[in-house]
Amino acid sequence: MPRLTVVRRLEAAGFRAWPASSTFYDGTWAVRLTTSFPAKRLNSVNPLDPADDADIEARIERAGARFAAAGRPLLFRQSPLAPPRLIRHLDTAGWSSFGESIVFTAELAALDFSTAIDRIPLQDARRYLDASLLVHHRPPELRDGLEEVLASIRPPAAYFVRETEEGGPIAVALAITDNDLAGILDVAVDPASRRQGIGIDLVATALRHTLHKGARTGWLQVEAGNAAGLALYRRLGFAEAYRYVYRAPPGLIV
């Protein structure tokens, strides 16, 4: 059973590292919405207290109204902070579970960065934005939304891009230094450039940068079905902290 104090701290760091354009609170349920970018983390209800389980049906209805007004499907993000009674309610009502992800942590001082190369992060956020869109194969119409998300990040952000000799981007990673926490997000390697050590090199470089900036604990998250990502982070020295899944109401195709 994960320590809830650790989960709370990492959940808060995740909110700051990948901010929604609007967040409403219904008790301790954080209703995060971002009409300009479809990421599930930015468009989901996030319960943050296992004891906050009053008026479940009415609160789900209120959240649903907000999502409908924003043109987004209602999703819950179920972490260890979700009330057990809410989980039972969703199970009984036939809500599906999908998108299981694992949050990993590591003490940076214990990691081996001896082969990592110090690289200066990009200073041009728009250049990183263009590289991220290309490497993730995101459609061009998401550019403005992703730009809004990146511009909303308040903790210091460092942008890392690996390029071919011709200058085309083949890998990206975003490092967020939030006091003593270092979050690594948006990691991707172009399919044609995988299995060459580029991903582990880029993540190690980003982590080493955050260590120089005063971070002590690194965190990141990866989908449970991403075998290559799981192997990469475990090879670096990360260990599982907790898991979360998304919940969708009956009939919603996700």
Foldseek 3Di string as FASTA:
>chain_A
DFDLVVVLVVVVVVCLQQPAPDWDDDPQWTQADHLLAQDVVRGAIERQAQVPDPPLVVVQVVSCVVCVVSVHAYKHKFWPRHHPVNVVVLVVQPWDWDQKKFKWKDFLVPFDLVVADADAFDPDVVVLLVLLCVQVVPDPSSSVSVVVRVVSNDADKGKDFDADPVGHTFWIWIWGQDAQEIEIDSTGGRPVPPPPCPRLNRVSNSSVVSVVVRHGMYMYMDGPPPVVVVVSCVVRPIDTNTMIIMIHGPPDDD
